[in-house]
Amino acid sequence: MKVLVDGEIVARSAVKVDMEDRGYQFGDGVYEVINVYDGVPFTLDEHIERLYRSAQEIGISINFESDHLKNDIRKLIQENDMKKGGLYLQVTRGVAPRTHQYLKDISSKLVAYPLPYKEMSESRSTGVTAITEQDLRWLRCDIKSLNLLYNIMIKQKAYEQGCFEAILIRDGVVTEGTSSNVFIIKNGTIYTHPATNLILNGITRQKLLEVYHENGWTFKEHPFTTQELLEADEVFVTSTTSEVVPVISIDGKDVNDGRPGSLTRKIQQAFSLTVKNETSSAVG
């Protein structure tokens, strides 16, 4: 495997992490995961824009211009002969003596590498189960930071119960999943939480809002309650790696008689067509 480190593509065995890297010690950094289809990084511009925004929000200066970084990512995909799968990209504040505060002259550290391809077709076809849990995360969930401890704790709880995801609830309102955005459908209208500081504005989420508009589907960026979640006609979750996944059971209660809904199916098909068209255009 070839890895991108601070502008150089090297073998994985050559990569070393300093013990005083602030990402290692504090989770002081940001990240992105980009899906690759037919060798093309899908929504690369959107992911890189969000990476730079997240870094700016926590005061990290990335040492590369965005166009330079995009070119490096394309080279990394070619060097690894990637046809499909995920690409992980991480920026930490850099190496410094361990104190909570830091000096402004720290040089940030960047690394990117391919992730193993994860087959999701069965989950997208048959649907998945979920649990609900209280959302106790910090109030800047719009920043895609390395601080994922609570997400990990709750995701593990869902996993141990045989579920795909945990849907998070803050003050009676559904925010998002531990690693996904959550949508419900009621009486033909699609709902999802607005893109505030309480959720991560997922790239797949953003792309789907365009898809809804193009297909004339009614959608609202409007908060919904736990009760509305449990009484929804259809529920699905989205993320870069899983795309659009129907949720057929929540806390042991069936959604749509335990089957993926018809509008969810149409949304899956429309999103797949968007991916196909945009990647084909990039290749062409």
Protein backbone atom coordinates (compact mmCIF):
# COMPACT_ATOMS: atom_id res chain seq x y z
CA MET A 1 0.00 0.00 0.00
CA LYS A 2 1.16 3.52 -0.85
CA VAL A 3 0.41 6.36 1.60
CA LEU A 4 0.36 10.12 1.15
CA VAL A 5 2.33 11.89 3.91
CA ASP A 6 2.82 15.67 3.81
CA GLY A 7 2.91 15.77 0.01
CA GLU A 8 5.00 12.62 -0.56
CA ILE A 9 3.71 9.20 -1.58
CA VAL A 10 5.61 6.50 0.30
CA ALA A 11 5.23 2.86 1.32
CA ARG A 12 3.12 2.25 4.40
CA SER A 13 6.11 0.70 6.17
CA ALA A 14 7.92 4.05 5.94
CA VAL A 15 5.22 5.96 7.83
CA LYS A 16 6.01 6.88 11.45
CA VAL A 17 3.91 8.80 13.97
CA ASP A 18 5.70 10.95 16.54
CA MET A 19 4.59 10.16 20.10
CA GLU A 20 3.92 13.87 20.65
CA ASP A 21 1.75 14.35 17.59
CA ARG A 22 -1.29 16.21 18.94
CA GLY A 23 -3.60 13.99 16.93
CA TYR A 24 -2.22 10.95 18.73
CA GLN A 25 -2.36 12.54 22.19
CA PHE A 26 -5.40 14.83 22.03
CA GLY A 27 -7.37 13.86 18.95
CA ASP A 28 -6.41 17.36 17.83
CA GLY A 29 -7.18 17.11 14.14
CA VAL A 30 -9.76 16.62 11.40
CA TYR A 31 -10.46 13.98 8.78
CA GLU A 32 -12.45 12.98 5.70
CA VAL A 33 -13.41 9.72 4.01
CA ILE A 34 -13.83 9.86 0.22
CA ASN A 35 -15.41 7.10 -1.84
CA VAL A 36 -13.69 6.00 -5.05
CA TYR A 37 -15.76 4.66 -7.96
CA ASP A 38 -14.02 3.38 -11.11
CA GLY A 39 -10.86 5.12 -9.96
CA VAL A 40 -12.63 8.47 -9.52
CA PRO A 41 -12.85 10.20 -6.10
CA PHE A 42 -16.57 11.02 -5.88
CA THR A 43 -17.45 14.54 -4.64
CA LEU A 44 -13.76 15.26 -4.12
CA ASP A 45 -14.29 19.03 -4.20
CA GLU A 46 -16.97 18.88 -1.51
CA HIS A 47 -14.89 16.66 0.79
CA ILE A 48 -11.79 18.84 0.48
CA GLU A 49 -13.83 21.99 1.05
CA ARG A 50 -15.25 20.48 4.24
CA LEU A 51 -11.78 19.34 5.37
CA TYR A 52 -10.45 22.89 5.08
CA ARG A 53 -13.52 24.28 6.83
CA SER A 54 -13.16 21.84 9.74
CA ALA A 55 -9.46 22.67 10.03
CA GLN A 56 -10.18 26.39 10.01
CA GLU A 57 -12.85 26.02 12.70
CA ILE A 58 -10.30 24.56 15.13
CA GLY A 59 -7.42 26.80 14.06
CA ILE A 60 -5.35 24.34 12.01
CA SER A 61 -3.58 25.67 8.93
CA ILE A 62 -3.19 23.03 6.22
CA ASN A 63 0.20 23.33 4.53
CA PHE A 64 -1.10 22.72 1.00
CA GLU A 65 -3.37 24.59 -1.35
CA SER A 66 -6.58 22.65 -1.96
CA ASP A 67 -5.86 22.10 -5.68
CA HIS A 68 -2.43 20.72 -4.79
CA LEU A 69 -4.01 18.33 -2.30
CA LYS A 70 -6.62 17.16 -4.82
CA ASN A 71 -3.87 16.36 -7.32
CA ASP A 72 -1.97 14.42 -4.65
CA ILE A 73 -5.10 12.40 -3.87
CA ARG A 74 -5.57 11.53 -7.54
CA LYS A 75 -1.93 10.43 -7.71
CA LEU A 76 -2.40 8.31 -4.58
CA ILE A 77 -5.38 6.56 -6.17
CA GLN A 78 -3.32 5.83 -9.27
CA GLU A 79 -0.31 4.61 -7.27
CA ASN A 80 -2.55 2.12 -5.45
CA ASP A 81 -4.44 1.18 -8.62
CA MET A 82 -7.68 1.84 -6.77
CA LYS A 83 -10.89 1.11 -8.64
CA LYS A 84 -13.30 1.26 -5.73
CA GLY A 85 -13.23 1.71 -1.99
CA GLY A 86 -12.63 4.46 0.52
CA LEU A 87 -9.78 6.92 0.93
CA TYR A 88 -9.01 8.18 4.45
CA LEU A 89 -7.52 11.66 4.82
CA GLN A 90 -6.37 13.11 8.14
CA VAL A 91 -4.77 16.37 9.25
CA THR A 92 -3.44 16.87 12.78
CA ARG A 93 -2.19 20.09 14.34
CA GLY A 94 1.30 18.61 14.39
CA VAL A 95 4.06 17.69 16.83
CA ALA A 96 4.64 19.72 20.00
CA PRO A 97 5.50 19.16 23.69
CA ARG A 98 2.41 17.82 25.45
CA THR A 99 0.40 20.70 26.88
CA HIS A 100 -3.23 21.60 26.30
CA GLN A 101 -2.25 24.97 24.85
CA TYR A 102 -0.07 25.24 21.77
CA LEU A 103 2.12 27.66 19.86
CA LYS A 104 0.95 29.06 16.54
CA ASP A 105 4.06 27.94 14.64
CA ILE A 106 3.30 24.20 14.82
CA SER A 107 3.37 22.61 11.36
CA SER A 108 0.32 20.46 10.63
CA LYS A 109 0.69 16.83 9.53
CA LEU A 110 -1.28 15.24 6.70
CA VAL A 111 -1.72 11.59 5.85
CA ALA A 112 -4.01 9.79 3.39
CA TYR A 113 -4.37 6.12 2.51
CA PRO A 114 -6.80 3.62 0.95
CA LEU A 115 -9.32 1.81 3.13
CA PRO A 116 -10.34 -1.80 2.45
CA TYR A 117 -13.43 -2.01 0.25
CA LYS A 118 -16.54 -2.64 2.33
CA GLU A 119 -19.36 -4.49 0.61
CA MET A 120 -22.68 -2.85 1.51
CA SER A 121 -24.99 -4.14 -1.21
CA GLU A 122 -26.81 -6.60 1.07
CA SER A 123 -27.49 -3.96 3.73
CA ARG A 124 -28.74 -1.55 1.07
CA SER A 125 -30.97 -4.27 -0.35
CA THR A 126 -32.51 -5.84 2.77
CA GLY A 127 -32.23 -2.94 5.22
CA VAL A 128 -30.68 -2.73 8.67
CA THR A 129 -31.70 -2.41 12.31
CA ALA A 130 -30.93 0.43 14.71
CA ILE A 131 -31.25 1.49 18.32
CA THR A 132 -31.78 4.95 19.80
CA GLU A 133 -29.42 6.52 22.31
CA GLN A 134 -29.00 9.86 24.04
CA ASP A 135 -26.80 12.35 22.19
CA LEU A 136 -24.17 13.42 24.74
CA ARG A 137 -21.56 14.72 22.29
CA TRP A 138 -20.06 18.20 22.34
CA LEU A 139 -21.95 21.01 20.59
CA ARG A 140 -19.72 21.35 17.50
CA CYS A 141 -20.76 18.22 15.65
CA ASP A 142 -20.48 20.19 12.39
CA ILE A 143 -16.68 19.88 12.69
CA LYS A 144 -15.40 16.54 11.39
CA SER A 145 -12.82 16.16 14.13
CA LEU A 146 -10.87 13.15 15.36
CA ASN A 147 -12.73 13.28 18.68
CA LEU A 148 -15.10 10.35 18.17
CA LEU A 149 -15.01 8.61 21.54
CA TYR A 150 -18.73 8.93 22.32
CA ASN A 151 -19.62 7.90 18.76
CA ILE A 152 -17.43 4.83 19.18
CA MET A 153 -18.96 3.91 22.55
CA ILE A 154 -22.51 4.06 21.19
CA LYS A 155 -21.66 2.44 17.85
CA GLN A 156 -20.14 -0.47 19.80
CA LYS A 157 -23.31 -0.73 21.88
CA ALA A 158 -25.36 -1.01 18.69
CA TYR A 159 -22.94 -3.57 17.28
CA GLU A 160 -23.14 -5.71 20.41
CA GLN A 161 -26.93 -5.73 20.04
CA GLY A 162 -26.63 -6.89 16.44
CA CYS A 163 -27.59 -3.50 14.99
CA PHE A 164 -26.04 -1.47 12.21
CA GLU A 165 -26.44 1.98 13.73
CA ALA A 166 -27.45 3.97 16.80
CA ILE A 167 -29.69 6.97 16.17
CA LEU A 168 -28.88 9.84 18.53
CA ILE A 169 -31.51 11.87 20.39
CA ARG A 170 -30.88 15.31 21.97
CA ASP A 171 -33.69 16.80 24.10
CA GLY A 172 -36.26 14.61 22.39
CA VAL A 173 -35.11 15.51 18.87
CA VAL A 174 -33.33 13.17 16.46
CA THR A 175 -29.96 14.60 15.41
CA GLU A 176 -28.05 11.95 13.43
CA GLY A 177 -26.46 8.52 13.68
CA THR A 178 -23.07 7.78 15.19
CA SER A 179 -21.61 7.76 11.67
CA SER A 180 -24.53 8.72 9.44
CA ASN A 181 -27.25 11.24 8.73
CA VAL A 182 -30.83 10.16 9.43
CA PHE A 183 -33.88 10.71 7.20
CA ILE A 184 -37.53 9.83 7.70
CA ILE A 185 -40.41 9.77 5.23
CA LYS A 186 -43.94 10.60 6.33
CA ASN A 187 -46.89 10.96 3.95
CA GLY A 188 -44.51 11.30 1.00
CA THR A 189 -42.36 14.05 2.54
CA ILE A 190 -38.70 13.48 3.34
CA TYR A 191 -37.39 15.03 6.57
CA THR A 192 -33.88 15.44 7.97
CA HIS A 193 -32.32 17.57 10.69
CA PRO A 194 -31.11 21.00 9.48
CA ALA A 195 -27.37 21.46 8.98
CA THR A 196 -26.65 23.18 12.31
CA ASN A 197 -23.84 22.71 14.81
CA LEU A 198 -25.70 19.64 16.14
CA ILE A 199 -24.96 17.44 13.12
CA LEU A 200 -22.27 16.83 10.55
CA ASN A 201 -23.47 18.08 7.18
CA GLY A 202 -22.73 14.85 5.34
CA ILE A 203 -21.56 15.02 1.73
CA THR A 204 -24.02 12.27 0.78
CA ARG A 205 -26.68 14.25 2.64
CA GLN A 206 -25.84 17.34 0.60
CA LYS A 207 -25.88 15.43 -2.66
CA LEU A 208 -29.25 13.86 -1.81
CA LEU A 209 -30.85 17.26 -1.28
CA GLU A 210 -29.91 17.99 -4.89
CA VAL A 211 -31.34 14.63 -5.97
CA TYR A 212 -34.65 15.33 -4.21
CA HIS A 213 -34.93 18.67 -5.97
CA GLU A 214 -34.10 17.18 -9.38
CA ASN A 215 -36.76 14.47 -8.95
CA GLY A 216 -39.44 16.76 -7.58
CA TRP A 217 -39.63 14.97 -4.23
CA THR A 218 -40.88 17.00 -1.28
CA PHE A 219 -38.27 17.39 1.44
CA LYS A 220 -37.86 19.52 4.53
CA GLU A 221 -34.76 20.27 6.60
CA HIS A 222 -36.75 20.25 9.79
CA PRO A 223 -36.13 18.62 13.20
CA PHE A 224 -38.27 15.61 14.10
CA THR A 225 -38.89 13.92 17.43
CA THR A 226 -38.21 10.40 18.66
CA GLN A 227 -41.93 9.69 18.40
CA GLU A 228 -42.00 10.89 14.80
CA LEU A 229 -39.00 8.69 14.05
CA LEU A 230 -40.75 5.62 15.46
CA GLU A 231 -43.99 6.44 13.62
CA ALA A 232 -42.36 7.21 10.25
CA ASP A 233 -43.48 5.44 7.08
CA GLU A 234 -39.85 4.91 6.05
CA VAL A 235 -36.44 5.57 7.63
CA PHE A 236 -32.99 5.51 6.07
CA VAL A 237 -29.46 6.56 6.96
CA THR A 238 -26.73 7.89 4.69
CA SER A 239 -22.96 8.22 4.69
CA THR A 240 -20.08 8.25 2.24
CA THR A 241 -19.25 4.57 2.59
CA SER A 242 -22.76 3.16 3.06
CA GLU A 243 -24.57 5.51 0.64
CA VAL A 244 -28.34 5.07 1.25
CA VAL A 245 -29.33 2.30 3.69
CA PRO A 246 -32.96 1.55 4.68
CA VAL A 247 -33.66 1.14 8.40
CA ILE A 248 -36.30 -1.55 8.89
CA SER A 249 -36.35 -1.78 12.70
CA ILE A 250 -35.66 0.68 15.53
CA ASP A 251 -35.44 -0.43 19.17
CA GLY A 252 -37.06 -3.71 18.11
CA LYS A 253 -40.04 -2.00 16.44
CA ASP A 254 -40.55 -2.60 12.70
CA VAL A 255 -40.52 0.27 10.23
CA ASN A 256 -42.81 -0.28 7.21
CA ASP A 257 -43.54 -3.86 8.34
CA GLY A 258 -39.80 -4.56 8.42
CA ARG A 259 -39.19 -3.87 4.73
CA PRO A 260 -37.37 -1.11 2.83
CA GLY A 261 -39.89 1.46 1.61
CA SER A 262 -40.73 2.26 -2.01
CA LEU A 263 -39.56 5.89 -1.91
CA THR A 264 -36.32 4.84 -0.23
CA ARG A 265 -35.77 2.45 -3.15
CA LYS A 266 -36.28 5.28 -5.62
CA ILE A 267 -33.85 7.44 -3.69
CA GLN A 268 -31.24 4.67 -3.78
CA GLN A 269 -31.64 4.33 -7.54
CA ALA A 270 -31.47 8.07 -8.10
CA PHE A 271 -28.32 8.39 -6.00
CA SER A 272 -26.66 5.49 -7.86
CA LEU A 273 -27.47 7.20 -11.14
CA THR A 274 -25.92 10.44 -9.86
CA VAL A 275 -22.74 8.58 -8.90
CA LYS A 276 -22.62 6.88 -12.30
CA ASN A 277 -23.16 10.11 -14.23
CA GLU A 278 -20.65 12.16 -12.26
CA THR A 279 -17.91 9.52 -12.27
CA SER A 280 -18.44 8.83 -15.99
CA SER A 281 -18.15 12.54 -16.67
CA ALA A 282 -14.90 12.71 -14.69
CA VAL A 283 -13.43 9.75 -16.58
CA GLY A 284 -14.53 11.16 -19.92
